[in-house]
Structures are given as structure tokens and as C-alpha cells.
Amino acid sequence: MPRRLELIAPGLLGPLPRDWQGTGGVRATRLERLLARAELENAEPGGALASLFAAFAIATDPDQDLPSAPFARLAEAPNEGDGGYWLHADPVHLRADRDRLRLFDSRVLDLSRDEAEALVAAFNAHFAEAGVRLIAAQAERWYLRLDTPPALRTTPLETARGRPVDQSMPRGDEARQWAALLNEAQMLFHQHPVNDRREADGRPRINGIWPWGGGALPEPPPAAPLTAVYARAPLALGLARWAGVSTVDSGGALPALGGESDPGQELIFWDIPQTALRNDDPDAWRDAVRALDDWLDGRLAALGRGTFAVMLLDPGRGTRYRLTPKSLRRVWRRRRPFHAYLAAVD
């Protein structure tokens, strides 16, 4: 099997906040060479996560939720079983802003494991007869199990954060019932002693959950679609576990990869640039670009020797870059500065 390497790197080409003055001026000569000489291909509609699903040969419907919850839960809480319908149900802070509520996620919460478990226990006791069960896989990442799939379309937490809540509420035939459940959970959490202590400490209340990314695990494939997955994101690790693919939790670092004679199809899901964007940290984003540029030195050399048949770079912006030993030799293609490829926030 020819060796094929795919790198999905959301956030690598932005979109960058407009106030990150000078950030795009980072030097990245190897990355510029890759971008200049590669063939352009259409990536999966729906961004980097849709590309990640496609790497596992899972078709996604742009008119439905991207079903990230059951796979991410499989990585973080594998002992909860494979059945049922799962939603992300992350803890959030809802804050009144004039006549609207705005949503804030774990970045402002400073939530401890004990606090999470206390709130989850209260939720499960209160909704024991409702056919839902909440688990806290991590202090800041919760999942909701349902007995039956809901008639619901949700908005990812990343899209909803900072926006008026009414613009992102679940919609569909069961939207009214879910609005009632979320309001009831909000009132339950509001009066919980955990939040009284948090308010006394000057910390924001955990006064809601945000459901998104629902789905159920399909049957696993008869054969593993990949040879190895390098990632730290629960979704990528959960997809690999489901598909029977060996994994390396890279902890955020770009991997050394196997020996030059190792065949197969390897996938790297590297979300460090995206994390820097989410955290509004231009220095961390620049460091990520430099780290990738350094890492490419050895990879491009290996491609030139024919160690890899194909290298793919997918920044999650609708276009991916396909490089082969032949295309690497297109020295006549003029290299553009890295900032010329960057997108800005609309």
C-alpha cells in the first residue's frame, strides 16, 4: 500500500481576528513551498470536522448535526457503553445583556471536577424519569444520553458562544420541549449550593448546559480505513477507537511518524492553531505555524525521496493541498508569502 499522510490543521490559515496586527507576517518557507506547489482539491463542505469524518469514510449531511458527541464520548468515557443517542451538553454561563442572554463556555468558568459531579448528580436526580442522563467526562466537557433520537437541529458551542442565546437555540419539531428542559435545568443549577459558593468567590455561575452535535454510533467498518491516527482531540481519538485504528495521543505535538519503510494511510488531526484562535492568543498561533514549518523540513524531504506517495494538508477552509513527489519538483511555481493565504474574520 503506498504511504499516504493527511494533516488536518484547523485554524492554520485563519480566519484571523483583524486586530492581530502583524501576525500573518510570520516566516514559513517550507509551508509556503508546499502551498505553492500542491494541487488544489475541494475539501469536505463543513470544515475540518467534516474532513475528519470523511477520513473515516463516514458521510455527513450538511442539513443535520455533525454527530461528534457519540464519538468524542467514546474516547472520554468508553465505559458508558456504545448504545443510545448522545449529545454534547457542555456546562455554560448565561449572562443577561440588556434584553438578551449571552452564552459563555468553559474558558470563563474555572470549573472543578467536584463542582461538575455535584451539578451532574443534581441534574440526573431531577430528570430521572425524563429518559435523559448526564455525564461529566471531564470537568468542562459533559455528554447527555437519550433513549431515543430527538427531532432536533442544534448549534455547535463554538458557534453559539458570545452570541445571543435566542439566535442559536435548538430547532426542529421538539424545539419547544427542549427549550423547556433547558430552562428547567437553568433554574435547577441557579439554586444549587455549588453556584452559591461560586458567586461568593466572584466566579460566574454554571447556570445551563448547551446541547449540540448529537448522534448515535453506527456499526464500525469491516476493515480499518486508516493505519494510524495522531491526535489529542477526543473526536479524532473516538473515531479511531470506533474504527479499530491505532492511535497516538500526541498531546498537541506534531508526531515523528513511523519508519520510512512503513506503509499505510496515516492521519494527523492537529488543532493547536485553532486552539490559539479560540483563546485569542496570537503568540501561540505564530508558534504553531513555526512548529509546523520546522516539522515539514523532514516530511518534505521524505516526500522527495518517495517515502510518501501523497501528502495532504487540509486547513478546514474548503480547499485542501495535495502534494506528491512529482508536484514537489515544480520549482517554477512562484512562492507567495504565507500571509497571502490567510483569511480574516468577516
Protein backbone atom coordinates (compact mmCIF):
# COMPACT_ATOMS: atom_id res chain seq x y z
CA MET A 1 0.00 0.00 0.00
CA PRO A 2 1.53 3.39 -0.96
CA ARG A 3 2.15 5.53 2.06
CA ARG A 4 -0.26 8.44 2.37
CA LEU A 5 -0.20 11.16 5.00
CA GLU A 6 -3.07 13.54 5.68
CA LEU A 7 -2.74 16.50 8.03
CA ILE A 8 -5.96 18.24 9.09
CA ALA A 9 -4.97 21.51 10.74
CA PRO A 10 -7.99 23.70 11.54
CA GLY A 11 -7.10 27.33 12.15
CA LEU A 12 -3.79 27.19 10.29
CA LEU A 13 -4.99 29.64 7.62
CA GLY A 14 -7.36 31.52 9.90
CA PRO A 15 -9.71 33.20 9.91
CA LEU A 16 -7.61 35.60 11.96
CA PRO A 17 -9.09 38.43 14.04
CA ARG A 18 -8.50 41.75 12.32
CA ASP A 19 -6.78 43.17 15.39
CA TRP A 20 -3.94 40.62 15.20
CA GLN A 21 -1.71 43.19 13.52
CA GLY A 22 1.43 41.69 12.03
CA THR A 23 0.56 38.11 12.96
CA GLY A 24 0.39 36.98 9.36
CA GLY A 25 3.96 38.15 8.78
CA VAL A 26 5.45 35.03 10.36
CA ARG A 27 8.09 33.35 8.16
CA ALA A 28 7.15 29.85 6.98
CA THR A 29 9.31 29.00 3.96
CA ARG A 30 8.60 25.25 3.85
CA LEU A 31 4.90 25.78 4.30
CA GLU A 32 4.96 28.39 1.53
CA ARG A 33 6.68 25.87 -0.75
CA LEU A 34 4.02 23.25 -0.01
CA LEU A 35 1.16 25.67 -0.64
CA ALA A 36 2.72 26.92 -3.89
CA ARG A 37 3.48 23.54 -5.45
CA ALA A 38 0.49 21.48 -4.30
CA GLU A 39 -2.56 20.66 -6.36
CA LEU A 40 -5.74 22.22 -5.00
CA GLU A 41 -8.71 20.00 -4.22
CA ASN A 42 -12.15 20.71 -2.85
CA ALA A 43 -12.35 19.67 0.79
CA GLU A 44 -15.47 18.39 2.50
CA PRO A 45 -18.14 21.08 2.95
CA GLY A 46 -18.50 21.73 6.63
CA GLY A 47 -14.91 22.44 7.60
CA ALA A 48 -12.21 20.45 9.37
CA LEU A 49 -14.54 18.23 11.38
CA ALA A 50 -16.39 17.14 8.24
CA SER A 51 -12.99 16.32 6.72
CA LEU A 52 -12.17 14.28 9.80
CA PHE A 53 -15.36 12.24 9.37
CA ALA A 54 -14.58 11.78 5.67
CA ALA A 55 -11.17 10.34 6.55
CA PHE A 56 -13.07 7.54 8.31
CA ALA A 57 -15.42 7.11 5.33
CA ILE A 58 -18.39 8.49 7.27
CA ALA A 59 -20.75 10.55 5.13
CA THR A 60 -22.21 13.63 6.82
CA ASP A 61 -25.32 15.59 5.94
CA PRO A 62 -24.88 19.40 5.97
CA ASP A 63 -28.56 19.70 6.87
CA GLN A 64 -28.14 17.59 10.02
CA ASP A 65 -25.99 17.80 13.13
CA LEU A 66 -22.42 16.68 12.64
CA PRO A 67 -22.61 13.70 15.04
CA SER A 68 -19.49 14.43 17.06
CA ALA A 69 -20.87 13.64 20.53
CA PRO A 70 -21.08 9.82 20.38
CA PHE A 71 -17.51 9.53 19.05
CA ALA A 72 -15.97 12.09 21.41
CA ARG A 73 -17.77 10.43 24.33
CA LEU A 74 -16.34 7.07 23.23
CA ALA A 75 -12.84 8.48 23.71
CA GLU A 76 -13.51 10.21 27.02
CA ALA A 77 -15.99 7.84 28.69
CA PRO A 78 -15.71 4.46 26.94
CA ASN A 79 -17.26 2.54 29.84
CA GLU A 80 -20.64 4.18 29.26
CA GLY A 81 -21.44 1.64 26.51
CA ASP A 82 -22.00 2.00 22.80
CA GLY A 83 -25.78 2.33 22.67
CA GLY A 84 -28.12 5.29 22.84
CA TYR A 85 -28.19 8.73 21.31
CA TRP A 86 -25.60 11.19 22.63
CA LEU A 87 -25.36 14.97 22.67
CA HIS A 88 -22.61 17.21 23.89
CA ALA A 89 -24.13 19.03 26.86
CA ASP A 90 -21.32 21.30 27.96
CA PRO A 91 -21.69 23.49 31.06
CA VAL A 92 -22.16 27.16 30.23
CA HIS A 93 -22.68 30.53 31.85
CA LEU A 94 -25.68 32.51 30.63
CA ARG A 95 -25.42 36.25 31.24
CA ALA A 96 -28.08 38.90 30.72
CA ASP A 97 -27.00 41.58 28.26
CA ARG A 98 -29.68 44.29 28.03
CA ASP A 99 -32.72 42.39 26.85
CA ARG A 100 -30.91 39.19 25.74
CA LEU A 101 -28.99 36.28 27.21
CA ARG A 102 -25.46 35.60 26.00
CA LEU A 103 -23.63 32.31 26.33
CA PHE A 104 -20.09 31.81 27.64
CA ASP A 105 -18.24 28.50 27.69
CA SER A 106 -15.61 26.79 29.84
CA ARG A 107 -12.96 29.39 29.09
CA VAL A 108 -14.52 31.69 31.68
CA LEU A 109 -15.80 29.05 34.13
CA ASP A 110 -12.80 27.64 36.05
CA LEU A 111 -14.92 24.59 36.83
CA SER A 112 -13.58 21.89 39.18
CA ARG A 113 -14.26 18.17 38.91
CA ASP A 114 -16.12 18.16 42.26
CA GLU A 115 -18.36 21.03 41.12
CA ALA A 116 -19.11 19.27 37.85
CA GLU A 117 -20.01 15.99 39.54
CA ALA A 118 -22.28 17.74 42.05
CA LEU A 119 -24.21 19.56 39.32
CA VAL A 120 -24.46 16.44 37.16
CA ALA A 121 -25.78 14.41 40.11
CA ALA A 122 -28.43 17.06 40.77
CA PHE A 123 -29.47 17.05 37.12
CA ASN A 124 -29.79 13.27 36.97
CA ALA A 125 -31.81 13.12 40.17
CA HIS A 126 -34.16 15.83 38.92
CA PHE A 127 -34.64 14.37 35.44
CA ALA A 128 -34.62 10.70 36.44
CA GLU A 129 -37.94 10.00 34.70
CA ALA A 130 -37.26 12.05 31.57
CA GLY A 131 -35.22 9.47 29.62
CA VAL A 132 -32.01 11.53 29.75
CA ARG A 133 -28.78 11.04 31.68
CA LEU A 134 -25.90 13.48 32.03
CA ILE A 135 -22.25 12.50 32.49
CA ALA A 136 -19.17 14.64 33.11
CA ALA A 137 -16.37 13.01 31.14
CA GLN A 138 -14.18 15.99 32.07
CA ALA A 139 -14.97 18.89 34.36
CA GLU A 140 -15.70 21.12 31.38
CA ARG A 141 -16.98 18.51 28.89
CA TRP A 142 -20.34 16.88 29.55
CA TYR A 143 -22.47 14.49 27.49
CA LEU A 144 -26.18 13.75 27.55
CA ARG A 145 -27.53 10.28 26.76
CA LEU A 146 -31.06 9.93 25.38
CA ASP A 147 -33.10 6.77 25.00
CA THR A 148 -34.47 7.88 21.63
CA PRO A 149 -33.16 10.30 18.95
CA PRO A 150 -34.76 13.76 19.21
CA ALA A 151 -36.27 15.67 16.29
CA LEU A 152 -33.77 18.44 16.78
CA ARG A 153 -31.12 20.50 14.99
CA THR A 154 -28.51 22.16 17.18
CA THR A 155 -25.82 24.83 17.00
CA PRO A 156 -22.22 23.93 17.96
CA LEU A 157 -20.99 25.55 21.13
CA GLU A 158 -18.11 27.18 19.25
CA THR A 159 -20.65 28.98 17.03
CA ALA A 160 -23.01 29.89 19.86
CA ARG A 161 -20.52 31.25 22.40
CA GLY A 162 -20.68 35.00 22.94
CA ARG A 163 -23.85 35.32 20.84
CA PRO A 164 -27.43 35.98 21.94
CA VAL A 165 -28.82 32.61 23.02
CA ASP A 166 -32.10 33.03 21.14
CA GLN A 167 -30.19 33.01 17.82
CA SER A 168 -28.73 29.57 18.49
CA MET A 169 -31.38 27.61 20.37
CA PRO A 170 -32.17 24.04 19.24
CA ARG A 171 -34.74 23.96 16.49
CA GLY A 172 -36.98 21.32 14.99
CA ASP A 173 -40.19 19.52 15.89
CA GLU A 174 -39.09 19.08 19.52
CA ALA A 175 -37.60 22.53 19.97
CA ARG A 176 -40.29 23.65 22.42
CA GLN A 177 -39.81 20.63 24.69
CA TRP A 178 -36.06 21.16 24.69
CA ALA A 179 -36.39 24.83 25.47
CA ALA A 180 -38.47 23.83 28.49
CA LEU A 181 -35.88 21.25 29.61
CA LEU A 182 -33.03 23.75 29.28
CA ASN A 183 -34.96 26.37 31.23
CA GLU A 184 -35.70 23.84 33.96
CA ALA A 185 -32.02 22.86 34.14
CA GLN A 186 -31.11 26.53 34.34
CA MET A 187 -33.38 27.06 37.34
CA LEU A 188 -32.10 23.85 38.98
CA PHE A 189 -28.47 24.92 38.67
CA HIS A 190 -29.17 28.51 39.67
CA GLN A 191 -30.26 27.49 43.16
CA HIS A 192 -27.59 24.81 43.64
CA PRO A 193 -25.10 25.34 46.53
CA VAL A 194 -22.21 24.97 44.06
CA ASN A 195 -23.29 28.19 42.39
CA ASP A 196 -23.84 29.98 45.68
CA ARG A 197 -20.22 29.26 46.57
CA ARG A 198 -19.01 30.26 43.12
CA GLU A 199 -20.84 33.59 43.33
CA ALA A 200 -19.39 34.21 46.79
CA ASP A 201 -15.92 33.59 45.31
CA GLY A 202 -16.58 36.03 42.47
CA ARG A 203 -16.80 33.30 39.82
CA PRO A 204 -19.56 33.01 37.20
CA ARG A 205 -22.45 30.66 37.91
CA ILE A 206 -22.80 27.41 35.96
CA ASN A 207 -26.39 28.07 35.03
CA GLY A 208 -27.01 25.96 31.96
CA ILE A 209 -25.99 23.22 29.57
CA TRP A 210 -25.62 23.55 25.82
CA PRO A 211 -26.74 20.55 23.70
CA TRP A 212 -25.11 20.09 20.29
CA GLY A 213 -23.53 17.57 17.91
CA GLY A 214 -25.97 14.75 18.50
CA GLY A 215 -25.92 11.27 17.07
CA ALA A 216 -25.60 7.53 17.66
CA LEU A 217 -22.68 5.26 16.90
CA PRO A 218 -23.07 3.43 13.59
CA GLU A 219 -21.76 -0.08 13.04
CA PRO A 220 -17.96 0.00 12.81
CA PRO A 221 -16.36 -0.60 9.41
CA PRO A 222 -15.38 -4.16 8.44
CA ALA A 223 -11.79 -3.02 7.93
CA ALA A 224 -9.87 -0.13 9.42
CA PRO A 225 -9.85 2.81 6.96
CA LEU A 226 -6.52 4.13 8.26
CA THR A 227 -3.26 2.75 9.58
CA ALA A 228 -2.71 5.22 12.42
CA VAL A 229 -4.17 8.40 13.88
CA TYR A 230 -2.13 11.05 15.71
CA ALA A 231 -4.30 13.46 17.68
CA ARG A 232 -5.25 14.84 21.05
CA ALA A 233 -8.86 15.84 20.26
CA PRO A 234 -11.46 13.47 21.76
CA LEU A 235 -13.40 13.38 18.49
CA ALA A 236 -10.40 12.14 16.47
CA LEU A 237 -9.41 9.62 19.13
CA GLY A 238 -13.01 8.41 19.46
CA LEU A 239 -13.39 7.93 15.71
CA ALA A 240 -10.19 5.88 15.70
CA ARG A 241 -11.36 3.75 18.61
CA TRP A 242 -14.68 3.11 16.86
CA ALA A 243 -12.94 2.14 13.60
CA GLY A 244 -10.28 -0.04 15.19
CA VAL A 245 -7.41 2.24 14.18
CA SER A 246 -4.29 2.50 16.33
CA THR A 247 -3.82 5.91 17.94
CA VAL A 248 -1.09 8.07 19.39
CA ASP A 249 -2.27 10.83 21.72
CA SER A 250 0.17 13.46 20.54
CA GLY A 251 -0.59 15.90 23.34
CA GLY A 252 -0.58 18.68 20.77
CA ALA A 253 2.85 17.97 19.28
CA LEU A 254 3.38 17.04 15.66
CA PRO A 255 4.42 13.37 15.55
CA ALA A 256 7.69 11.89 14.42
CA LEU A 257 5.75 9.21 12.44
CA GLY A 258 6.97 5.68 11.75
CA GLY A 259 9.96 4.39 9.85
CA GLU A 260 10.44 5.18 6.21
CA SER A 261 9.54 1.64 5.14
CA ASP A 262 6.21 1.62 6.98
CA PRO A 263 3.29 1.57 4.51
CA GLY A 264 -0.23 2.76 5.17
CA GLN A 265 -2.51 5.73 5.46
CA GLU A 266 -1.77 7.97 8.40
CA LEU A 267 -3.88 10.84 9.70
CA ILE A 268 -2.80 13.74 11.88
CA PHE A 269 -5.50 15.89 13.42
CA TRP A 270 -3.64 18.92 14.76
CA ASP A 271 -5.83 21.52 16.40
CA ILE A 272 -3.19 23.70 18.07
CA PRO A 273 -3.69 26.65 15.65
CA GLN A 274 -7.44 26.53 16.21
CA THR A 275 -6.98 26.45 19.98
CA ALA A 276 -4.78 29.55 19.75
CA LEU A 277 -7.51 31.31 17.75
CA ARG A 278 -10.18 30.32 20.27
CA ASN A 279 -8.03 31.60 23.12
CA ASP A 280 -7.27 34.86 21.27
CA ASP A 281 -3.55 34.12 21.60
CA PRO A 282 -1.61 35.39 18.55
CA ASP A 283 1.74 34.35 20.03
CA ALA A 284 0.59 30.75 20.39
CA TRP A 285 -0.73 30.80 16.81
CA ARG A 286 2.60 32.11 15.48
CA ASP A 287 4.44 29.45 17.47
CA ALA A 288 2.19 26.78 15.94
CA VAL A 289 2.93 27.98 12.40
CA ARG A 290 6.68 27.94 13.11
CA ALA A 291 6.43 24.44 14.65
CA LEU A 292 4.67 23.15 11.54
CA ASP A 293 7.21 24.80 9.27
CA ASP A 294 10.07 23.13 11.16
CA TRP A 295 8.27 19.76 11.13
CA LEU A 296 7.75 19.97 7.37
CA ASP A 297 11.51 20.00 6.78
CA GLY A 298 11.81 16.27 7.36
CA ARG A 299 8.44 15.43 5.85
CA LEU A 300 9.10 17.24 2.56
CA ALA A 301 12.50 15.59 2.33
CA ALA A 302 10.84 12.19 2.83
CA LEU A 303 8.29 13.03 0.15
CA GLY A 304 11.10 13.92 -2.26
CA ARG A 305 12.72 10.52 -1.60
CA GLY A 306 9.43 8.80 -2.38
CA THR A 307 8.78 7.69 1.20
CA PHE A 308 5.30 9.14 0.85
CA ALA A 309 3.21 8.78 -2.29
CA VAL A 310 0.88 11.61 -1.23
CA MET A 311 0.79 14.32 1.42
CA LEU A 312 -2.44 16.21 2.04
CA LEU A 313 -2.86 19.40 4.04
CA ASP A 314 -6.43 20.37 4.96
CA PRO A 315 -6.71 23.67 6.90
CA GLY A 316 -10.50 23.38 7.15
CA ARG A 317 -11.20 26.29 4.80
CA GLY A 318 -12.85 24.43 1.91
CA THR A 319 -9.64 23.70 -0.02
CA ARG A 320 -7.00 21.09 0.66
CA TYR A 321 -3.48 20.93 -0.74
CA ARG A 322 -2.26 17.69 -2.37
CA LEU A 323 1.47 17.18 -2.77
CA THR A 324 3.28 14.28 -4.49
CA PRO A 325 6.97 13.69 -5.27
CA LYS A 326 6.25 14.94 -8.80
CA SER A 327 4.45 18.12 -7.74
CA LEU A 328 7.17 18.88 -5.20
CA ARG A 329 9.56 19.35 -8.13
CA ARG A 330 7.50 22.19 -9.66
CA VAL A 331 10.21 24.72 -8.92
CA TRP A 332 8.77 27.16 -11.45
CA ARG A 333 5.72 27.77 -9.27
CA ARG A 334 6.39 31.07 -7.58
CA ARG A 335 6.19 31.01 -3.80
CA ARG A 336 3.91 33.58 -2.18
CA PRO A 337 4.34 34.87 1.38
CA PHE A 338 2.41 32.92 3.96
CA HIS A 339 0.16 35.84 4.86
CA ALA A 340 -1.24 35.82 1.29
CA TYR A 341 -3.06 32.57 2.11
CA LEU A 342 -4.65 33.77 5.35
CA ALA A 343 -8.32 34.54 5.78
CA ALA A 344 -9.64 37.24 8.11
CA VAL A 345 -12.74 37.14 10.26
CA ASP A 346 -15.71 38.60 8.38
